[in-house]
Amino acid sequence: MGADRMLPKDAPAMPSLLTRAARRLRRTIALVPPNWCLAILVALDGYAFMHPVLREVRAREYSFWLALDNWHDVMQVVGLLEIPRLVLGVGLQIIALGLILKARIAWAFSLVLLIGIGTFAILGDGGRAGLGIYTLVLVVALIAYWRRFDRASVTAGSLFALVSIVSLLIYAVFGTLYLGDEFNPPIKDAATALYFSIVSMSTVGYGDITPHSNAARLFTASIIILGITVFATSISAIAGPVIGGNLKRLVKGRFSNAMRKNHIIIAGATPLAMSVYDGLRRRGDEVTVIVPAGVPQEYPAATDLIEGDPSSVEVLRSAGVARARYVLALREDDAENAFIVLAAKEATGDDGAKTVALVNTSKHLEKIRRVQPDLVFSVQLLGAELLTRAINGEPLDSQSITELFFAKATPQTKAG
């Protein structure tokens, strides 16, 4: 009886512990951004793929490697086909750094490498189906989070170029040493192999060293083709963001102002401003964003964004305020929002774009109303009123929600 009585008392403790553990796990996961998680998983995949090569190297004594006389003997032990495995594994770990930077080119490069590694692991890697399945699941995860990788930067492009060139150079040097006797004159040392690799990759072709077997000719052709591809892609990866950024500024400076019409201007980079931007874009509205210089922002790369003081009449005019439908002052400082409303009215007059002012502190509501915005939005008052009505069971129809959401300036306020 005593044990039976104790059971109901202790029974709720287990669900409570599980609930707390689940909450802690969710909080821990929330602290790590998805791009960091994917970068770590990609780096682990690269390590697992090249692990057989590392295991082979560690299985031999240090004196064994010292006893080898030339590069050909080293590759006979390791195997020529294991060199690309090592290069791909190391390259995938380096490219993971680009995923941390949310680089689009690192995402694309990782996707291509992972598809190749997964296919190789499943079809021809000695039964390592587990690694292949893990790799393909990782490919699906990268595709699912593709929106996270939306940055095109010189840093990411340089990283891609470095990894590509170094990987190709390693492949070319080791392959040349492995096929050294099939060149004329034969290639026996690393310096000559490096020279021949660079000459072939750059398609210079001095002709002092030539392949004289089918295997050597095909290998040289692969170096030339990969060299053209890697150099062209690397140049575009580095120069693309620079040229694209300058072109984007040129287009914005000269043509975007003429193209802006019947759009909405958002001033600010607060979480509310970015949520409003996403909602408007989903509905097909054209939006121009103004963010002061130096203020961090996470708008998408394709955003029509102007850096400048949104309370400046000139900046508002450059954003096309004369042809805009609304000007949304959504900054964190209420005084700045009031100045934005005043600048918009000065730039367009009373018949211009409608103005919406965010009130961050409820005690500033009446002060914001004095600048006569068309709509005043207070998150604090809205939340308090909604919660009060919900507690008291009062109904919420569309008219009451509209009245709560936007507190229009009263005629008395305008008269004052």
Protein backbone atom coordinates (compact mmCIF):
# COMPACT_ATOMS: atom_id res chain seq x y z
CA MET A 1 0.00 0.00 0.00
CA GLY A 2 2.79 2.39 0.90
CA ALA A 3 4.52 1.84 -2.43
CA ASP A 4 1.23 2.29 -4.29
CA ARG A 5 0.60 5.58 -2.51
CA MET A 6 4.07 6.86 -3.31
CA LEU A 7 3.71 6.13 -7.05
CA PRO A 8 1.22 8.92 -7.88
CA LYS A 9 3.26 11.41 -5.88
CA ASP A 10 6.51 10.68 -7.78
CA ALA A 11 4.94 10.03 -11.18
CA PRO A 12 4.73 13.71 -12.32
CA ALA A 13 8.43 14.23 -11.58
CA MET A 14 9.56 12.34 -14.67
CA PRO A 15 7.54 14.40 -17.24
CA SER A 16 8.67 17.55 -15.48
CA LEU A 17 12.33 16.54 -15.78
CA LEU A 18 11.85 15.63 -19.43
CA THR A 19 10.14 18.96 -20.11
CA ARG A 20 12.97 20.91 -18.49
CA ALA A 21 15.57 18.88 -20.39
CA ALA A 22 13.74 19.51 -23.68
CA ARG A 23 13.61 23.23 -22.95
CA ARG A 24 17.32 23.36 -22.18
CA LEU A 25 18.08 21.44 -25.37
CA ARG A 26 15.99 23.89 -27.44
CA ARG A 27 17.74 26.85 -25.81
CA THR A 28 21.14 25.33 -26.52
CA ILE A 29 20.22 24.70 -30.16
CA ALA A 30 18.87 28.25 -30.47
CA LEU A 31 22.25 29.62 -29.38
CA VAL A 32 23.97 28.00 -32.39
CA PRO A 33 22.91 29.43 -35.79
CA PRO A 34 22.00 26.87 -38.50
CA ASN A 35 24.91 27.93 -40.71
CA TRP A 36 27.36 27.13 -37.88
CA CYS A 37 25.76 23.71 -37.36
CA LEU A 38 25.95 22.93 -41.07
CA ALA A 39 29.56 24.12 -41.24
CA ILE A 40 30.55 21.78 -38.41
CA LEU A 41 28.71 18.85 -39.99
CA VAL A 42 30.34 19.52 -43.38
CA ALA A 43 33.80 19.66 -41.78
CA LEU A 44 33.13 16.34 -40.00
CA ASP A 45 32.04 14.80 -43.29
CA GLY A 46 35.29 15.89 -44.92
CA TYR A 47 37.30 14.37 -42.06
CA ALA A 48 35.37 11.08 -42.25
CA PHE A 49 35.93 10.90 -46.01
CA MET A 50 39.71 11.28 -45.79
CA HIS A 51 40.03 9.17 -42.63
CA PRO A 52 41.21 6.01 -44.50
CA VAL A 53 44.20 7.97 -45.83
CA LEU A 54 45.03 9.33 -42.38
CA ARG A 55 44.68 5.84 -40.90
CA GLU A 56 47.09 4.46 -43.51
CA VAL A 57 49.61 7.18 -42.73
CA ARG A 58 49.35 6.66 -38.95
CA ALA A 59 49.68 2.87 -39.33
CA ARG A 60 53.26 3.27 -40.60
CA GLU A 61 56.20 4.14 -38.42
CA TYR A 62 57.83 7.53 -38.86
CA SER A 63 61.07 5.79 -39.84
CA PHE A 64 59.23 4.02 -42.68
CA TRP A 65 58.33 7.31 -44.33
CA LEU A 66 61.87 8.61 -43.87
CA ALA A 67 63.23 5.53 -45.61
CA LEU A 68 61.32 6.24 -48.83
CA ASP A 69 63.65 7.68 -51.46
CA ASN A 70 61.25 9.49 -53.79
CA TRP A 71 57.71 10.68 -54.30
CA HIS A 72 56.90 7.71 -56.52
CA ASP A 73 57.48 5.33 -53.62
CA VAL A 74 55.26 7.43 -51.36
CA MET A 75 52.40 7.29 -53.83
CA GLN A 76 52.89 3.58 -54.35
CA VAL A 77 52.25 3.12 -50.62
CA VAL A 78 49.38 5.58 -50.26
CA GLY A 79 47.90 5.07 -53.72
CA LEU A 80 47.33 7.66 -56.41
CA LEU A 81 43.56 7.45 -56.06
CA GLU A 82 43.82 8.32 -52.37
CA ILE A 83 45.34 11.73 -53.14
CA PRO A 84 42.04 13.20 -54.45
CA ARG A 85 40.33 11.79 -51.35
CA LEU A 86 42.74 13.71 -49.14
CA VAL A 87 42.38 16.86 -51.21
CA LEU A 88 38.57 16.70 -51.15
CA GLY A 89 38.48 16.08 -47.41
CA VAL A 90 40.78 18.98 -46.58
CA GLY A 91 39.01 21.21 -49.11
CA LEU A 92 35.62 20.46 -47.59
CA GLN A 93 36.89 21.42 -44.14
CA ILE A 94 38.25 24.72 -45.45
CA ILE A 95 35.05 25.47 -47.38
CA ALA A 96 33.16 24.99 -44.10
CA LEU A 97 34.64 28.35 -43.06
CA GLY A 98 32.75 29.92 -45.95
CA LEU A 99 29.51 28.42 -44.62
CA ILE A 100 30.15 30.19 -41.32
CA LEU A 101 30.37 33.44 -43.31
CA LYS A 102 27.03 32.56 -45.04
CA ALA A 103 28.75 32.72 -48.41
CA ARG A 104 26.61 31.64 -51.33
CA ILE A 105 29.60 30.36 -53.29
CA ALA A 106 30.74 28.22 -50.34
CA TRP A 107 27.23 26.75 -50.15
CA ALA A 108 27.26 25.87 -53.86
CA PHE A 109 30.80 24.46 -53.73
CA SER A 110 29.98 22.36 -50.65
CA LEU A 111 26.87 21.02 -52.35
CA VAL A 112 28.83 19.86 -55.40
CA LEU A 113 31.58 18.24 -53.32
CA LEU A 114 29.11 16.52 -51.00
CA ILE A 115 27.14 15.04 -53.90
CA GLY A 116 30.36 13.63 -55.35
CA ILE A 117 31.56 12.29 -52.01
CA GLY A 118 28.17 10.74 -51.20
CA THR A 119 27.95 9.01 -54.57
CA PHE A 120 31.53 7.72 -54.29
CA ALA A 121 30.95 6.47 -50.73
CA ILE A 122 27.78 4.57 -51.64
CA LEU A 123 28.89 3.08 -54.98
CA GLY A 124 32.59 2.46 -54.67
CA ASP A 125 34.06 3.10 -51.25
CA GLY A 126 34.32 -0.39 -49.86
CA GLY A 127 30.92 -0.55 -48.23
CA ARG A 128 30.97 2.82 -46.49
CA ALA A 129 27.24 3.27 -47.10
CA GLY A 130 26.81 4.95 -43.71
CA LEU A 131 29.04 7.85 -44.75
CA GLY A 132 27.20 8.08 -48.07
CA ILE A 133 23.79 8.28 -46.41
CA TYR A 134 25.06 10.85 -43.89
CA THR A 135 26.49 12.91 -46.76
CA LEU A 136 23.27 12.84 -48.77
CA VAL A 137 21.25 13.81 -45.68
CA LEU A 138 23.65 16.72 -45.27
CA VAL A 139 22.99 17.69 -48.89
CA VAL A 140 19.26 17.79 -48.15
CA ALA A 141 19.90 19.97 -45.07
CA LEU A 142 21.99 22.41 -47.12
CA ILE A 143 19.23 22.66 -49.71
CA ALA A 144 16.61 23.19 -46.99
CA TYR A 145 18.60 26.11 -45.50
CA TRP A 146 19.70 27.65 -48.80
CA ARG A 147 18.17 31.02 -47.88
CA ARG A 148 20.66 31.35 -45.02
CA PHE A 149 23.57 31.57 -47.47
CA ASP A 150 22.89 34.82 -49.31
CA ARG A 151 26.16 36.70 -49.07
CA ALA A 152 28.58 37.34 -51.89
CA SER A 153 31.84 38.74 -50.53
CA VAL A 154 35.44 39.13 -51.60
CA THR A 155 36.51 37.11 -48.54
CA ALA A 156 34.38 34.12 -49.49
CA GLY A 157 35.46 34.39 -53.14
CA SER A 158 39.12 34.49 -52.13
CA LEU A 159 38.62 31.43 -49.92
CA PHE A 160 37.01 29.54 -52.79
CA ALA A 161 39.80 30.56 -55.17
CA LEU A 162 42.52 29.51 -52.71
CA VAL A 163 40.99 26.10 -52.04
CA SER A 164 40.39 25.44 -55.75
CA ILE A 165 43.88 26.42 -56.88
CA VAL A 166 45.67 24.58 -54.06
CA SER A 167 43.57 21.45 -54.62
CA LEU A 168 44.27 21.43 -58.35
CA LEU A 169 47.96 22.09 -57.72
CA ILE A 170 48.22 19.12 -55.35
CA TYR A 171 46.43 16.89 -57.84
CA ALA A 172 48.69 18.05 -60.68
CA VAL A 173 51.98 17.71 -58.75
CA PHE A 174 51.28 14.25 -57.34
CA GLY A 175 49.89 12.97 -60.62
CA THR A 176 52.93 14.28 -62.50
CA LEU A 177 55.28 12.56 -60.06
CA TYR A 178 53.32 9.32 -60.34
CA LEU A 179 53.53 9.38 -64.17
CA GLY A 180 57.03 10.85 -64.20
CA ASP A 181 58.60 8.23 -66.49
CA GLU A 182 55.92 8.84 -69.12
CA PHE A 183 57.12 12.39 -69.82
CA ASN A 184 60.02 13.48 -71.99
CA PRO A 185 62.34 14.19 -70.24
CA PRO A 186 61.21 12.09 -67.24
CA ILE A 187 60.05 14.04 -64.16
CA LYS A 188 61.73 12.74 -60.99
CA ASP A 189 61.64 15.61 -58.48
CA ALA A 190 58.93 17.76 -56.90
CA ALA A 191 60.36 21.06 -58.23
CA THR A 192 60.08 19.92 -61.85
CA ALA A 193 56.59 18.51 -61.19
CA LEU A 194 55.51 21.86 -59.70
CA TYR A 195 56.93 23.72 -62.70
CA PHE A 196 55.15 21.46 -65.19
CA SER A 197 51.87 21.70 -63.21
CA ILE A 198 51.89 25.51 -63.18
CA VAL A 199 52.79 25.71 -66.88
CA SER A 200 49.96 23.30 -67.75
CA MET A 201 47.38 24.92 -65.43
CA SER A 202 48.07 28.34 -66.90
CA THR A 203 48.01 26.89 -70.46
CA VAL A 204 51.37 28.56 -71.23
CA GLY A 205 52.88 25.37 -72.71
CA TYR A 206 56.60 26.04 -73.26
CA GLY A 207 57.07 22.58 -74.79
CA ASP A 208 60.26 21.73 -72.88
CA ILE A 209 58.44 18.83 -71.13
CA THR A 210 55.98 16.76 -73.15
CA PRO A 211 53.88 13.65 -72.39
CA HIS A 212 54.61 10.64 -74.61
CA SER A 213 52.01 8.08 -73.43
CA ASN A 214 48.22 8.08 -73.60
CA ALA A 215 47.90 8.15 -69.80
CA ALA A 216 50.24 11.14 -69.51
CA ARG A 217 48.48 12.98 -72.35
CA LEU A 218 45.05 12.45 -70.80
CA PHE A 219 46.38 13.53 -67.42
CA THR A 220 47.89 16.69 -68.92
CA ALA A 221 44.64 17.45 -70.72
CA SER A 222 42.75 17.14 -67.43
CA ILE A 223 45.14 19.64 -65.82
CA ILE A 224 44.61 22.11 -68.67
CA ILE A 225 40.80 21.82 -68.59
CA LEU A 226 40.61 22.05 -64.80
CA GLY A 227 43.10 24.93 -64.82
CA ILE A 228 40.99 26.99 -67.23
CA THR A 229 37.86 26.24 -65.21
CA VAL A 230 39.41 27.00 -61.81
CA PHE A 231 41.12 30.23 -62.88
CA ALA A 232 38.01 31.52 -64.65
CA THR A 233 35.76 30.64 -61.71
CA SER A 234 38.22 32.06 -59.17
CA ILE A 235 38.49 35.38 -61.00
CA SER A 236 34.71 35.66 -61.23
CA ALA A 237 34.34 34.70 -57.55
CA ILE A 238 36.72 37.47 -56.45
CA ALA A 239 35.95 40.16 -59.00
CA GLY A 240 32.22 39.45 -59.19
CA PRO A 241 31.25 40.91 -55.80
CA VAL A 242 33.48 43.96 -56.36
CA ILE A 243 32.15 44.70 -59.85
CA GLY A 244 28.62 43.77 -58.82
CA GLY A 245 28.75 46.08 -55.80
CA ASN A 246 30.02 49.00 -57.87
CA LEU A 247 27.44 48.33 -60.57
CA LYS A 248 24.71 48.11 -57.97
CA ARG A 249 25.73 51.46 -56.49
CA LEU A 250 25.86 52.94 -60.00
CA VAL A 251 22.40 51.66 -60.83
CA LYS A 252 20.99 52.83 -57.53
CA GLY A 253 22.61 56.22 -57.83
CA ARG A 254 21.49 56.99 -61.38
CA PHE A 255 18.48 54.91 -62.27
CA SER A 256 16.72 53.55 -59.18
CA ASN A 257 15.35 56.93 -58.15
CA ALA A 258 13.57 57.25 -61.50
CA MET A 259 12.20 53.70 -61.21
CA ARG A 260 10.75 54.11 -57.71
CA LYS A 261 7.03 54.78 -57.90
CA ASN A 262 4.02 53.90 -55.77
CA HIS A 263 6.37 52.22 -53.30
CA ILE A 264 6.77 52.13 -49.53
CA ILE A 265 9.74 53.61 -47.68
CA ILE A 266 10.91 51.93 -44.47
CA ALA A 267 13.28 53.87 -42.23
CA GLY A 268 15.16 51.65 -39.80
CA ALA A 269 16.73 48.22 -39.35
CA THR A 270 14.90 47.04 -36.23
CA PRO A 271 13.44 43.52 -36.06
CA LEU A 272 9.99 45.08 -36.56
CA ALA A 273 11.21 46.94 -39.67
CA MET A 274 12.64 43.77 -41.20
CA SER A 275 9.47 41.81 -40.41
CA VAL A 276 7.36 44.51 -42.05
CA TYR A 277 9.72 44.44 -45.04
CA ASP A 278 9.32 40.67 -45.41
CA GLY A 279 5.53 40.93 -45.16
CA LEU A 280 5.30 43.69 -47.75
CA ARG A 281 7.59 41.88 -50.19
CA ARG A 282 5.55 38.69 -49.87
CA ARG A 283 2.50 40.70 -50.91
CA GLY A 284 4.30 42.08 -53.94
CA ASP A 285 4.83 45.66 -52.70
CA GLU A 286 7.88 47.62 -53.82
CA VAL A 287 9.91 48.69 -50.81
CA THR A 288 12.85 51.06 -50.37
CA VAL A 289 14.79 50.88 -47.11
CA ILE A 290 16.80 53.71 -45.54
CA VAL A 291 19.39 52.75 -42.93
CA PRO A 292 21.89 55.20 -41.37
CA ALA A 293 25.53 54.50 -42.24
CA GLY A 294 27.22 52.23 -39.72
CA VAL A 295 23.98 50.73 -38.37
CA PRO A 296 24.08 46.90 -38.64
CA GLN A 297 21.29 45.44 -40.78
CA GLU A 298 20.30 42.00 -42.07
CA TYR A 299 18.18 42.90 -45.08
CA PRO A 300 18.54 40.58 -48.11
CA ALA A 301 21.24 41.42 -50.63
CA ALA A 302 18.65 42.31 -53.28
CA THR A 303 17.00 44.97 -51.10
CA ASP A 304 16.65 48.47 -52.56
CA LEU A 305 18.65 49.97 -49.70
CA ILE A 306 19.94 53.50 -49.22
CA GLU A 307 22.53 54.37 -46.57
CA GLY A 308 21.87 57.77 -45.07
CA ASP A 309 19.98 59.77 -42.46
CA PRO A 310 16.25 59.03 -42.94
CA SER A 311 15.36 62.32 -41.21
CA SER A 312 17.14 64.21 -44.00
CA VAL A 313 14.90 65.71 -46.68
CA GLU A 314 17.55 65.07 -49.35
CA VAL A 315 17.87 61.41 -48.43
CA LEU A 316 14.10 60.99 -48.52
CA ARG A 317 13.96 62.64 -51.93
CA SER A 318 16.66 60.29 -53.21
CA ALA A 319 14.43 57.43 -52.00
CA GLY A 320 11.60 58.79 -54.17
CA VAL A 321 9.42 60.07 -51.34
CA ALA A 322 7.50 62.32 -53.78
CA ARG A 323 6.11 59.20 -55.49
CA ALA A 324 5.85 56.92 -52.44
CA ARG A 325 2.63 55.71 -50.84
CA TYR A 326 3.89 55.45 -47.27
CA VAL A 327 6.86 56.45 -45.17
CA LEU A 328 7.26 54.11 -42.18
CA ALA A 329 9.39 55.51 -39.36
CA LEU A 330 10.36 52.30 -37.53
CA ARG A 331 13.53 53.21 -35.68
CA GLU A 332 14.25 52.44 -32.02
CA ASP A 333 14.38 56.10 -30.98
CA ASP A 334 11.01 57.90 -30.79
CA ALA A 335 12.59 61.30 -31.37
CA GLU A 336 14.18 60.07 -34.59
CA ASN A 337 10.83 58.71 -35.75
CA ALA A 338 9.25 62.12 -35.12
CA PHE A 339 11.97 63.86 -37.14
CA ILE A 340 11.47 61.38 -40.01
CA VAL A 341 7.76 62.25 -40.11
CA LEU A 342 8.56 65.98 -40.15
CA ALA A 343 11.13 65.52 -42.94
CA ALA A 344 8.67 63.48 -45.02
CA LYS A 345 6.00 66.20 -44.65
CA GLU A 346 8.51 68.87 -45.58
CA ALA A 347 9.57 66.94 -48.68
CA THR A 348 6.06 66.17 -49.95
CA GLY A 349 3.61 68.53 -48.21
CA ASP A 350 0.27 67.50 -46.74
CA ASP A 351 -0.88 65.70 -49.91
CA GLY A 352 2.21 63.51 -50.22
CA ALA A 353 3.03 60.08 -48.88
CA LYS A 354 1.21 58.96 -45.75
CA THR A 355 3.40 58.68 -42.67
CA VAL A 356 3.43 55.97 -40.01
CA ALA A 357 5.38 56.50 -36.77
CA LEU A 358 6.40 53.76 -34.36
CA VAL A 359 6.14 54.62 -30.65
CA ASN A 360 8.58 52.49 -28.66
CA THR A 361 7.71 54.02 -25.27
CA SER A 362 4.05 54.61 -24.51
CA LYS A 363 4.72 57.85 -22.60
CA HIS A 364 5.95 59.41 -25.85
CA LEU A 365 2.65 58.73 -27.63
CA GLU A 366 1.22 62.23 -27.26
CA LYS A 367 4.52 63.84 -28.28
CA ILE A 368 4.60 61.75 -31.47
CA ARG A 369 1.01 62.73 -32.22
CA ARG A 370 1.99 66.41 -32.18
CA VAL A 371 4.01 65.98 -35.37
CA GLN A 372 0.76 64.77 -36.97
CA PRO A 373 1.64 61.45 -38.57
CA ASP A 374 -1.19 59.80 -40.43
CA LEU A 375 -0.87 56.67 -38.32
CA VAL A 376 0.72 56.00 -34.93
CA PHE A 377 1.69 52.48 -33.97
CA SER A 378 2.43 51.55 -30.35
CA VAL A 379 3.43 47.95 -29.67
CA GLN A 380 3.04 48.40 -25.90
CA LEU A 381 -0.49 49.78 -26.04
CA LEU A 382 -1.53 47.24 -28.65
CA GLY A 383 -0.24 44.31 -26.60
CA ALA A 384 -1.79 45.58 -23.37
CA GLU A 385 -5.20 46.15 -24.95
CA LEU A 386 -5.23 42.76 -26.73
CA LEU A 387 -4.27 40.96 -23.52
CA THR A 388 -6.92 42.82 -21.50
CA ARG A 389 -9.63 41.99 -24.02
CA ALA A 390 -8.58 38.35 -24.17
CA ILE A 391 -8.71 38.02 -20.36
CA ASN A 392 -12.17 39.60 -20.18
CA GLY A 393 -13.47 37.58 -23.14
CA GLU A 394 -14.26 40.64 -25.24
CA PRO A 395 -14.63 39.96 -28.98
CA LEU A 396 -12.13 41.29 -31.52
CA ASP A 397 -13.57 42.18 -34.90
CA SER A 398 -11.67 43.73 -37.82
CA GLN A 399 -12.80 47.27 -36.92
CA SER A 400 -11.61 47.02 -33.31
CA ILE A 401 -8.27 45.54 -34.40
CA THR A 402 -7.77 48.41 -36.85
CA GLU A 403 -8.57 50.96 -34.15
CA LEU A 404 -6.15 49.27 -31.77
CA PHE A 405 -3.37 48.87 -34.31
CA PHE A 406 -3.34 52.45 -35.54
CA ALA A 407 -4.15 55.29 -33.19
CA LYS A 408 -4.90 58.16 -35.56
CA ALA A 409 -4.17 61.69 -34.50
CA THR A 410 -7.31 63.29 -33.15
CA PRO A 411 -8.66 66.58 -34.55
CA GLN A 412 -7.89 68.27 -31.26
CA THR A 413 -4.30 67.24 -31.55
CA LYS A 414 -4.05 68.49 -35.10
CA ALA A 415 -5.65 71.78 -34.14
CA GLY A 416 -3.09 72.19 -31.37
